N, C-alpha and C. Protein backbone atom coordinates (compact mmCIF):
# COMPACT_ATOMS: atom_id res chain seq x y z
N MET A 1 -14.76 -16.48 -0.86
CA MET A 1 -15.74 -15.41 -0.79
C MET A 1 -17.09 -15.97 -1.23
N ASP A 2 -18.08 -15.90 -0.36
CA ASP A 2 -19.39 -16.45 -0.66
C ASP A 2 -20.20 -15.50 -1.52
N ARG A 3 -21.15 -16.09 -2.20
CA ARG A 3 -22.06 -15.33 -3.05
C ARG A 3 -23.01 -14.52 -2.17
N PRO A 4 -23.17 -13.21 -2.41
CA PRO A 4 -24.11 -12.41 -1.61
C PRO A 4 -25.54 -12.91 -1.76
N GLU A 5 -26.38 -12.61 -0.75
CA GLU A 5 -27.75 -13.10 -0.74
C GLU A 5 -28.59 -12.54 -1.89
N TYR A 6 -28.30 -11.31 -2.31
CA TYR A 6 -29.13 -10.68 -3.34
C TYR A 6 -28.87 -11.24 -4.73
N ILE A 7 -27.89 -12.12 -4.88
CA ILE A 7 -27.67 -12.78 -6.16
C ILE A 7 -28.24 -14.19 -6.03
N SER A 8 -29.38 -14.41 -6.60
CA SER A 8 -30.01 -15.72 -6.47
C SER A 8 -29.39 -16.71 -7.45
N LYS A 9 -29.42 -17.98 -7.08
CA LYS A 9 -28.81 -19.01 -7.93
C LYS A 9 -29.65 -19.29 -9.16
N ASN A 10 -30.94 -19.09 -9.07
CA ASN A 10 -31.84 -19.39 -10.18
C ASN A 10 -32.24 -18.13 -10.94
N ASP A 11 -31.33 -17.19 -11.06
CA ASP A 11 -31.62 -15.92 -11.74
C ASP A 11 -31.60 -16.15 -13.25
N ASP A 12 -32.50 -15.48 -13.98
CA ASP A 12 -32.56 -15.64 -15.43
C ASP A 12 -31.52 -14.77 -16.14
N GLY A 13 -30.71 -14.01 -15.41
CA GLY A 13 -29.64 -13.22 -16.02
C GLY A 13 -30.07 -11.85 -16.47
N SER A 14 -31.18 -11.33 -15.98
CA SER A 14 -31.63 -10.01 -16.40
C SER A 14 -31.77 -9.10 -15.20
N GLY A 15 -31.62 -7.83 -15.44
CA GLY A 15 -31.91 -6.83 -14.44
C GLY A 15 -30.84 -6.64 -13.39
N GLN A 16 -31.32 -6.30 -12.21
CA GLN A 16 -30.43 -5.90 -11.11
C GLN A 16 -29.54 -7.04 -10.64
N ALA A 17 -30.05 -8.25 -10.61
CA ALA A 17 -29.26 -9.39 -10.14
C ALA A 17 -28.08 -9.65 -11.08
N ARG A 18 -28.29 -9.46 -12.40
CA ARG A 18 -27.21 -9.67 -13.36
C ARG A 18 -26.09 -8.66 -13.14
N VAL A 19 -26.45 -7.39 -12.92
CA VAL A 19 -25.46 -6.34 -12.67
C VAL A 19 -24.72 -6.62 -11.37
N ALA A 20 -25.46 -7.03 -10.34
CA ALA A 20 -24.83 -7.36 -9.06
C ALA A 20 -23.86 -8.53 -9.21
N LYS A 21 -24.25 -9.54 -9.99
CA LYS A 21 -23.40 -10.71 -10.19
C LYS A 21 -22.12 -10.33 -10.93
N GLU A 22 -22.23 -9.48 -11.95
CA GLU A 22 -21.05 -9.05 -12.68
C GLU A 22 -20.12 -8.24 -11.79
N GLY A 23 -20.69 -7.34 -10.96
CA GLY A 23 -19.87 -6.57 -10.03
C GLY A 23 -19.18 -7.47 -9.02
N PHE A 24 -19.89 -8.47 -8.53
CA PHE A 24 -19.31 -9.43 -7.58
C PHE A 24 -18.15 -10.17 -8.22
N ASN A 25 -18.33 -10.63 -9.45
CA ASN A 25 -17.27 -11.36 -10.15
C ASN A 25 -16.06 -10.46 -10.43
N ASP A 26 -16.31 -9.18 -10.76
CA ASP A 26 -15.20 -8.25 -10.99
C ASP A 26 -14.40 -8.01 -9.71
N ARG A 27 -15.11 -7.79 -8.59
CA ARG A 27 -14.41 -7.58 -7.31
C ARG A 27 -13.60 -8.80 -6.93
N LYS A 28 -14.17 -9.99 -7.15
CA LYS A 28 -13.47 -11.22 -6.80
C LYS A 28 -12.22 -11.39 -7.67
N ALA A 29 -12.31 -11.06 -8.95
CA ALA A 29 -11.15 -11.18 -9.85
C ALA A 29 -10.05 -10.19 -9.45
N LYS A 30 -10.44 -8.94 -9.09
CA LYS A 30 -9.44 -7.96 -8.66
C LYS A 30 -8.77 -8.39 -7.37
N GLU A 31 -9.55 -8.93 -6.44
CA GLU A 31 -8.98 -9.40 -5.18
C GLU A 31 -8.00 -10.55 -5.42
N ASN A 32 -8.36 -11.47 -6.28
CA ASN A 32 -7.45 -12.58 -6.59
C ASN A 32 -6.18 -12.08 -7.27
N ALA A 33 -6.32 -11.08 -8.14
CA ALA A 33 -5.14 -10.53 -8.82
C ALA A 33 -4.20 -9.86 -7.82
N LEU A 34 -4.76 -9.11 -6.84
CA LEU A 34 -3.92 -8.47 -5.83
C LEU A 34 -3.24 -9.51 -4.94
N GLN A 35 -3.97 -10.56 -4.57
CA GLN A 35 -3.37 -11.61 -3.75
C GLN A 35 -2.25 -12.32 -4.50
N MET A 36 -2.45 -12.58 -5.78
CA MET A 36 -1.41 -13.25 -6.57
C MET A 36 -0.18 -12.35 -6.71
N LYS A 37 -0.40 -11.05 -6.90
CA LYS A 37 0.71 -10.11 -7.02
C LYS A 37 1.51 -10.06 -5.71
N LEU A 38 0.81 -10.03 -4.56
CA LEU A 38 1.49 -10.03 -3.26
C LEU A 38 2.24 -11.34 -3.05
N ARG A 39 1.62 -12.46 -3.38
CA ARG A 39 2.26 -13.77 -3.21
C ARG A 39 3.50 -13.90 -4.09
N GLU A 40 3.43 -13.39 -5.33
CA GLU A 40 4.60 -13.44 -6.21
C GLU A 40 5.74 -12.60 -5.65
N GLY A 41 5.41 -11.43 -5.09
CA GLY A 41 6.44 -10.59 -4.49
C GLY A 41 7.09 -11.25 -3.29
N ILE A 42 6.30 -11.94 -2.48
CA ILE A 42 6.84 -12.61 -1.29
C ILE A 42 7.69 -13.80 -1.70
N GLN A 43 7.19 -14.63 -2.60
CA GLN A 43 7.91 -15.83 -2.99
C GLN A 43 9.11 -15.53 -3.89
N GLY A 44 9.14 -14.38 -4.52
CA GLY A 44 10.25 -14.02 -5.40
C GLY A 44 11.48 -13.56 -4.66
N ASN A 45 11.33 -13.12 -3.41
CA ASN A 45 12.44 -12.61 -2.63
C ASN A 45 13.00 -13.73 -1.75
N GLU A 46 14.30 -13.87 -1.69
CA GLU A 46 14.94 -14.93 -0.91
C GLU A 46 14.69 -14.78 0.59
N GLN A 47 14.63 -13.53 1.09
CA GLN A 47 14.44 -13.30 2.52
C GLN A 47 13.01 -13.59 2.97
N THR A 48 12.04 -13.40 2.09
CA THR A 48 10.64 -13.58 2.49
C THR A 48 10.04 -14.87 1.98
N LYS A 49 10.77 -15.65 1.24
CA LYS A 49 10.24 -16.88 0.63
C LYS A 49 9.89 -17.90 1.71
N ILE A 50 8.76 -18.56 1.53
CA ILE A 50 8.31 -19.61 2.44
C ILE A 50 8.20 -20.89 1.63
N ASN A 51 8.85 -21.97 2.11
CA ASN A 51 8.79 -23.22 1.36
C ASN A 51 7.54 -24.02 1.72
N LYS A 52 7.42 -25.23 1.16
CA LYS A 52 6.20 -26.02 1.36
C LYS A 52 6.05 -26.54 2.79
N HIS A 53 7.13 -26.53 3.58
CA HIS A 53 7.07 -26.97 4.97
C HIS A 53 6.84 -25.79 5.92
N ASN A 54 6.49 -24.64 5.39
CA ASN A 54 6.25 -23.41 6.16
C ASN A 54 7.51 -22.92 6.86
N GLU A 55 8.64 -23.12 6.23
CA GLU A 55 9.89 -22.61 6.78
C GLU A 55 10.28 -21.34 6.04
N GLY A 56 10.70 -20.36 6.81
CA GLY A 56 11.11 -19.09 6.24
C GLY A 56 11.95 -18.34 7.25
N VAL A 57 12.29 -17.09 6.94
CA VAL A 57 13.11 -16.28 7.83
C VAL A 57 12.20 -15.57 8.83
N CYS A 58 12.49 -15.76 10.11
CA CYS A 58 11.73 -15.09 11.17
C CYS A 58 12.17 -13.63 11.24
N TRP A 59 11.20 -12.71 11.32
CA TRP A 59 11.54 -11.29 11.37
C TRP A 59 12.07 -10.90 12.74
N GLY A 60 11.67 -11.60 13.79
CA GLY A 60 12.11 -11.25 15.14
C GLY A 60 13.56 -11.59 15.41
N CYS A 61 13.99 -12.81 15.03
CA CYS A 61 15.34 -13.24 15.37
C CYS A 61 16.20 -13.53 14.14
N MET A 62 15.63 -13.41 12.95
CA MET A 62 16.35 -13.57 11.68
C MET A 62 16.96 -14.95 11.50
N LYS A 63 16.32 -15.99 12.03
CA LYS A 63 16.80 -17.34 11.76
C LYS A 63 15.77 -18.06 10.90
N LYS A 64 16.23 -19.06 10.16
CA LYS A 64 15.33 -19.80 9.30
C LYS A 64 14.72 -20.93 10.11
N ASP A 65 13.39 -20.90 10.21
CA ASP A 65 12.69 -21.84 11.07
C ASP A 65 11.24 -21.94 10.59
N TYR A 66 10.45 -22.77 11.26
CA TYR A 66 9.01 -22.85 11.01
C TYR A 66 8.40 -21.53 11.45
N ILE A 67 7.69 -20.85 10.53
CA ILE A 67 7.15 -19.53 10.85
C ILE A 67 5.65 -19.48 10.59
N LEU A 68 5.02 -18.58 11.29
CA LEU A 68 3.62 -18.23 11.07
C LEU A 68 3.57 -16.73 10.79
N SER A 69 2.93 -16.36 9.70
CA SER A 69 2.86 -14.94 9.39
C SER A 69 1.55 -14.36 9.90
N SER A 70 1.63 -13.13 10.38
CA SER A 70 0.47 -12.45 10.92
C SER A 70 0.73 -10.94 10.87
N LEU A 71 -0.22 -10.18 11.41
CA LEU A 71 -0.08 -8.73 11.47
C LEU A 71 0.47 -8.33 12.84
N TRP A 72 1.47 -7.45 12.85
CA TRP A 72 2.11 -7.00 14.08
C TRP A 72 2.24 -5.49 14.06
N MET A 73 2.32 -4.91 15.25
CA MET A 73 2.58 -3.48 15.38
C MET A 73 4.06 -3.31 15.66
N ALA A 74 4.74 -2.50 14.87
CA ALA A 74 6.18 -2.28 15.05
C ALA A 74 6.49 -0.79 14.95
N CYS A 75 7.39 -0.33 15.82
CA CYS A 75 7.79 1.08 15.79
C CYS A 75 8.95 1.26 14.80
N LYS A 76 9.28 2.52 14.53
CA LYS A 76 10.37 2.83 13.59
C LYS A 76 11.69 2.24 14.04
N ARG A 77 11.96 2.33 15.36
CA ARG A 77 13.24 1.82 15.87
C ARG A 77 13.40 0.33 15.64
N CYS A 78 12.33 -0.44 15.90
CA CYS A 78 12.41 -1.89 15.70
C CYS A 78 12.55 -2.23 14.22
N ILE A 79 11.86 -1.50 13.36
CA ILE A 79 11.98 -1.76 11.93
C ILE A 79 13.39 -1.41 11.45
N ASP A 80 13.95 -0.29 11.94
CA ASP A 80 15.32 0.07 11.57
C ASP A 80 16.32 -0.96 12.08
N LYS A 81 16.08 -1.48 13.28
CA LYS A 81 17.01 -2.44 13.88
C LYS A 81 16.97 -3.79 13.14
N ARG A 82 15.76 -4.26 12.79
CA ARG A 82 15.63 -5.58 12.16
C ARG A 82 15.66 -5.52 10.64
N GLY A 83 15.34 -4.36 10.08
CA GLY A 83 15.39 -4.18 8.63
C GLY A 83 14.09 -4.53 7.93
N PHE A 84 14.02 -4.12 6.67
CA PHE A 84 12.83 -4.35 5.86
C PHE A 84 12.91 -5.67 5.09
N ASP A 85 14.02 -6.40 5.22
CA ASP A 85 14.26 -7.55 4.37
C ASP A 85 13.19 -8.62 4.47
N SER A 86 12.80 -8.99 5.68
CA SER A 86 11.84 -10.10 5.81
C SER A 86 10.43 -9.63 6.15
N ILE A 87 10.14 -8.35 5.97
CA ILE A 87 8.76 -7.87 6.11
C ILE A 87 8.05 -8.11 4.78
N TYR A 88 6.88 -8.73 4.85
CA TYR A 88 6.13 -8.98 3.61
C TYR A 88 5.55 -7.69 3.07
N THR A 89 4.77 -7.00 3.89
CA THR A 89 4.21 -5.70 3.49
C THR A 89 3.99 -4.83 4.72
N ILE A 90 3.97 -3.53 4.52
CA ILE A 90 3.52 -2.61 5.56
C ILE A 90 2.05 -2.34 5.26
N VAL A 91 1.19 -2.80 6.14
CA VAL A 91 -0.24 -2.75 5.89
C VAL A 91 -0.79 -1.36 6.16
N LYS A 92 -0.39 -0.76 7.29
CA LYS A 92 -0.99 0.52 7.67
C LYS A 92 0.02 1.34 8.44
N HIS A 93 0.00 2.64 8.21
CA HIS A 93 0.82 3.61 8.95
C HIS A 93 -0.12 4.23 9.97
N LYS A 94 0.05 3.89 11.24
CA LYS A 94 -0.89 4.29 12.28
C LYS A 94 -0.73 5.77 12.61
N SER A 95 -1.87 6.46 12.71
CA SER A 95 -1.84 7.89 13.01
C SER A 95 -2.15 8.18 14.47
N VAL A 96 -2.19 7.15 15.30
CA VAL A 96 -2.46 7.32 16.73
C VAL A 96 -1.33 6.68 17.53
N GLU A 97 -1.33 6.96 18.85
CA GLU A 97 -0.33 6.35 19.71
C GLU A 97 -0.65 4.87 19.87
N ASP A 98 0.36 4.04 19.82
CA ASP A 98 0.16 2.61 19.99
C ASP A 98 1.43 2.00 20.55
N THR A 99 1.32 0.76 21.03
CA THR A 99 2.51 0.09 21.56
C THR A 99 3.13 -0.78 20.49
N CYS A 100 4.44 -0.88 20.55
CA CYS A 100 5.18 -1.77 19.66
C CYS A 100 5.12 -3.17 20.25
N ASP A 101 4.83 -4.18 19.44
CA ASP A 101 4.75 -5.55 19.92
C ASP A 101 6.12 -6.13 20.27
N PHE A 102 7.18 -5.50 19.83
CA PHE A 102 8.51 -6.08 20.01
C PHE A 102 9.31 -5.42 21.13
N CYS A 103 9.26 -4.09 21.25
CA CYS A 103 9.99 -3.44 22.34
C CYS A 103 9.07 -3.04 23.49
N GLY A 104 7.75 -3.00 23.26
CA GLY A 104 6.78 -2.72 24.31
C GLY A 104 6.65 -1.26 24.69
N GLU A 105 7.21 -0.35 23.91
CA GLU A 105 7.14 1.07 24.23
C GLU A 105 6.00 1.73 23.48
N TRP A 106 5.42 2.76 24.10
CA TRP A 106 4.40 3.55 23.43
C TRP A 106 5.09 4.45 22.41
N THR A 107 4.50 4.56 21.24
CA THR A 107 5.08 5.39 20.19
C THR A 107 4.23 6.64 20.00
N ARG A 108 4.83 7.63 19.42
CA ARG A 108 4.10 8.85 19.05
C ARG A 108 3.24 8.56 17.83
N PRO A 109 2.28 9.44 17.54
CA PRO A 109 1.50 9.26 16.31
C PRO A 109 2.41 9.26 15.08
N PHE A 110 2.08 8.47 14.12
CA PHE A 110 2.79 8.30 12.85
C PHE A 110 4.16 7.65 13.01
N GLU A 111 4.44 7.02 14.13
CA GLU A 111 5.71 6.30 14.30
C GLU A 111 5.48 4.81 14.45
N CYS A 112 4.24 4.35 14.32
CA CYS A 112 3.92 2.94 14.49
C CYS A 112 3.35 2.41 13.17
N PHE A 113 3.76 1.22 12.80
CA PHE A 113 3.33 0.61 11.55
C PHE A 113 2.70 -0.74 11.83
N GLN A 114 1.66 -1.07 11.08
CA GLN A 114 1.11 -2.41 11.13
C GLN A 114 1.78 -3.16 9.98
N ILE A 115 2.55 -4.21 10.33
CA ILE A 115 3.30 -4.93 9.31
C ILE A 115 2.81 -6.36 9.21
N ASN A 116 3.03 -6.96 8.06
CA ASN A 116 2.76 -8.38 7.85
C ASN A 116 4.12 -9.05 7.80
N ALA A 117 4.41 -9.88 8.79
CA ALA A 117 5.71 -10.55 8.85
C ALA A 117 5.54 -11.91 9.50
N GLY A 118 6.51 -12.79 9.26
CA GLY A 118 6.48 -14.12 9.83
C GLY A 118 7.39 -14.21 11.05
N LEU A 119 6.91 -14.90 12.11
CA LEU A 119 7.69 -15.09 13.33
C LEU A 119 7.76 -16.57 13.67
N CYS A 120 8.86 -16.97 14.29
CA CYS A 120 9.01 -18.35 14.74
C CYS A 120 8.25 -18.55 16.06
N ASN A 121 8.22 -19.78 16.55
CA ASN A 121 7.48 -20.07 17.79
C ASN A 121 8.05 -19.32 18.98
N THR A 122 9.37 -19.17 19.06
CA THR A 122 10.00 -18.46 20.17
C THR A 122 9.57 -17.00 20.19
N CYS A 123 9.62 -16.34 19.05
CA CYS A 123 9.23 -14.93 18.98
C CYS A 123 7.73 -14.77 19.19
N HIS A 124 6.92 -15.73 18.72
CA HIS A 124 5.48 -15.70 19.01
C HIS A 124 5.25 -15.74 20.51
N GLY A 125 6.01 -16.58 21.21
CA GLY A 125 5.88 -16.67 22.66
C GLY A 125 6.20 -15.36 23.35
N ARG A 126 7.25 -14.67 22.87
CA ARG A 126 7.61 -13.36 23.45
C ARG A 126 6.49 -12.35 23.26
N VAL A 127 5.92 -12.32 22.07
CA VAL A 127 4.84 -11.35 21.80
C VAL A 127 3.59 -11.71 22.59
N MET A 128 3.28 -13.02 22.71
CA MET A 128 2.13 -13.43 23.50
C MET A 128 2.30 -13.04 24.97
N LYS A 129 3.52 -13.21 25.49
CA LYS A 129 3.79 -12.82 26.88
C LYS A 129 3.60 -11.31 27.06
N PHE A 130 4.09 -10.52 26.09
CA PHE A 130 3.91 -9.07 26.16
C PHE A 130 2.43 -8.70 26.16
N HIS A 131 1.64 -9.33 25.27
CA HIS A 131 0.21 -9.02 25.19
C HIS A 131 -0.52 -9.43 26.47
N ARG A 132 -0.13 -10.53 27.07
CA ARG A 132 -0.74 -10.96 28.33
C ARG A 132 -0.48 -9.92 29.42
N GLU A 133 0.76 -9.45 29.53
CA GLU A 133 1.09 -8.42 30.52
C GLU A 133 0.39 -7.10 30.22
N TYR A 134 0.29 -6.77 28.94
CA TYR A 134 -0.36 -5.53 28.50
C TYR A 134 -1.83 -5.52 28.91
N ARG A 135 -2.51 -6.65 28.67
CA ARG A 135 -3.93 -6.74 29.03
C ARG A 135 -4.12 -6.71 30.55
N SER A 136 -3.25 -7.40 31.29
CA SER A 136 -3.41 -7.42 32.75
C SER A 136 -3.11 -6.05 33.37
N ALA A 137 -2.27 -5.24 32.71
CA ALA A 137 -1.95 -3.91 33.22
C ALA A 137 -3.03 -2.88 32.90
N GLY A 138 -3.98 -3.22 32.04
CA GLY A 138 -5.06 -2.29 31.75
C GLY A 138 -5.20 -1.96 30.28
N GLY A 139 -4.32 -2.43 29.43
CA GLY A 139 -4.45 -2.23 27.99
C GLY A 139 -4.28 -0.78 27.58
N LYS A 140 -5.25 -0.29 26.79
CA LYS A 140 -5.18 1.08 26.26
C LYS A 140 -5.29 2.14 27.36
N LYS A 141 -5.75 1.76 28.54
CA LYS A 141 -5.85 2.74 29.63
C LYS A 141 -4.46 3.19 30.09
N GLN A 142 -3.43 2.45 29.74
CA GLN A 142 -2.07 2.80 30.13
C GLN A 142 -1.40 3.76 29.14
N ASN A 143 -2.14 4.20 28.14
CA ASN A 143 -1.62 5.17 27.19
C ASN A 143 -1.18 6.43 27.94
N PRO A 144 0.06 6.89 27.76
CA PRO A 144 0.55 8.05 28.51
C PRO A 144 -0.29 9.31 28.30
N TYR A 145 -0.80 9.52 27.10
CA TYR A 145 -1.63 10.69 26.81
C TYR A 145 -2.93 10.62 27.62
N THR A 146 -3.58 9.45 27.59
CA THR A 146 -4.84 9.29 28.32
C THR A 146 -4.61 9.40 29.82
N ARG A 147 -3.53 8.87 30.33
CA ARG A 147 -3.24 8.97 31.76
C ARG A 147 -3.03 10.42 32.18
N ARG A 148 -2.35 11.21 31.33
CA ARG A 148 -2.12 12.62 31.63
C ARG A 148 -3.44 13.40 31.66
N ILE A 149 -4.32 13.11 30.69
CA ILE A 149 -5.63 13.77 30.63
C ILE A 149 -6.48 13.38 31.85
N ARG A 150 -6.48 12.09 32.21
CA ARG A 150 -7.26 11.65 33.36
C ARG A 150 -6.75 12.28 34.65
N LYS A 151 -5.44 12.43 34.76
CA LYS A 151 -4.87 13.03 35.96
C LYS A 151 -5.26 14.51 36.06
N LYS A 152 -5.30 15.19 34.92
CA LYS A 152 -5.59 16.62 34.93
C LYS A 152 -7.08 16.92 35.10
N TYR A 153 -7.96 16.12 34.42
CA TYR A 153 -9.39 16.44 34.41
C TYR A 153 -10.26 15.47 35.21
N GLY A 154 -9.71 14.40 35.73
CA GLY A 154 -10.49 13.47 36.54
C GLY A 154 -11.19 12.40 35.71
N LYS A 155 -12.17 11.75 36.36
CA LYS A 155 -12.85 10.62 35.73
C LYS A 155 -13.65 11.02 34.50
N ASP A 156 -14.21 12.22 34.49
CA ASP A 156 -15.09 12.65 33.40
C ASP A 156 -14.34 13.40 32.31
N TYR A 157 -13.14 12.98 32.02
CA TYR A 157 -12.34 13.68 31.00
C TYR A 157 -12.95 13.56 29.61
N LYS A 158 -13.67 12.48 29.33
CA LYS A 158 -14.28 12.31 28.01
C LYS A 158 -15.37 13.34 27.77
N LEU A 159 -16.15 13.63 28.80
CA LEU A 159 -17.20 14.64 28.66
C LEU A 159 -16.62 16.02 28.41
N LEU A 160 -15.52 16.34 29.07
CA LEU A 160 -14.88 17.64 28.86
C LEU A 160 -14.31 17.76 27.45
N LEU A 161 -13.75 16.65 26.94
CA LEU A 161 -13.17 16.69 25.60
C LEU A 161 -14.22 16.75 24.51
N GLN A 162 -15.45 16.30 24.80
CA GLN A 162 -16.52 16.35 23.82
C GLN A 162 -17.28 17.66 23.80
N GLY A 163 -16.97 18.55 24.74
CA GLY A 163 -17.65 19.84 24.84
C GLY A 163 -17.38 20.72 23.63
N ALA A 164 -18.15 21.82 23.55
CA ALA A 164 -18.04 22.73 22.41
C ALA A 164 -16.76 23.56 22.47
N GLU A 165 -16.31 23.88 23.67
CA GLU A 165 -15.11 24.69 23.81
C GLU A 165 -13.87 23.80 23.73
N PRO A 166 -12.83 24.27 23.07
CA PRO A 166 -11.60 23.47 23.01
C PRO A 166 -10.94 23.37 24.39
N VAL A 167 -10.42 22.21 24.68
CA VAL A 167 -9.77 21.96 25.96
C VAL A 167 -8.27 22.05 25.75
N ARG A 168 -7.61 22.90 26.53
CA ARG A 168 -6.15 23.03 26.40
C ARG A 168 -5.48 22.02 27.31
N ILE A 169 -4.55 21.33 26.74
CA ILE A 169 -3.86 20.25 27.48
C ILE A 169 -2.47 20.68 27.86
């Protein structure tokens, strides 16, 4: 984390810059403490532990292999099927419709989670292939809700939805 511009290096330690510097140092210490707490939780569990060669349990196929951890979108069914054992954290509970990176189905609101998990190269390839097909098919335009609205109201459905009167769907 870089030093913000408003904290000068040659500050005499008085006034606004001193307060800004103390706040910056406090935020940095809290962030480091949270990262250390998360890392201890991950390394303390046998299913989520990653060794020095970057080997760990893949969440997609549950085999021990070279893994890369990242953020993924997963639906309730996929999480129930694969389990919570090798998920590092659930980052966000999505309140909108989204696609699952693993089964490729659109989920209802509040049924999709953004998770932090590690995947092996094979599972990364599967997800990359899904994303490539998703983008070529039109991406978010393929959302079933949006397609239904476009079919009912035509090209200018956004203008109708922004109007003062509620639109019944």
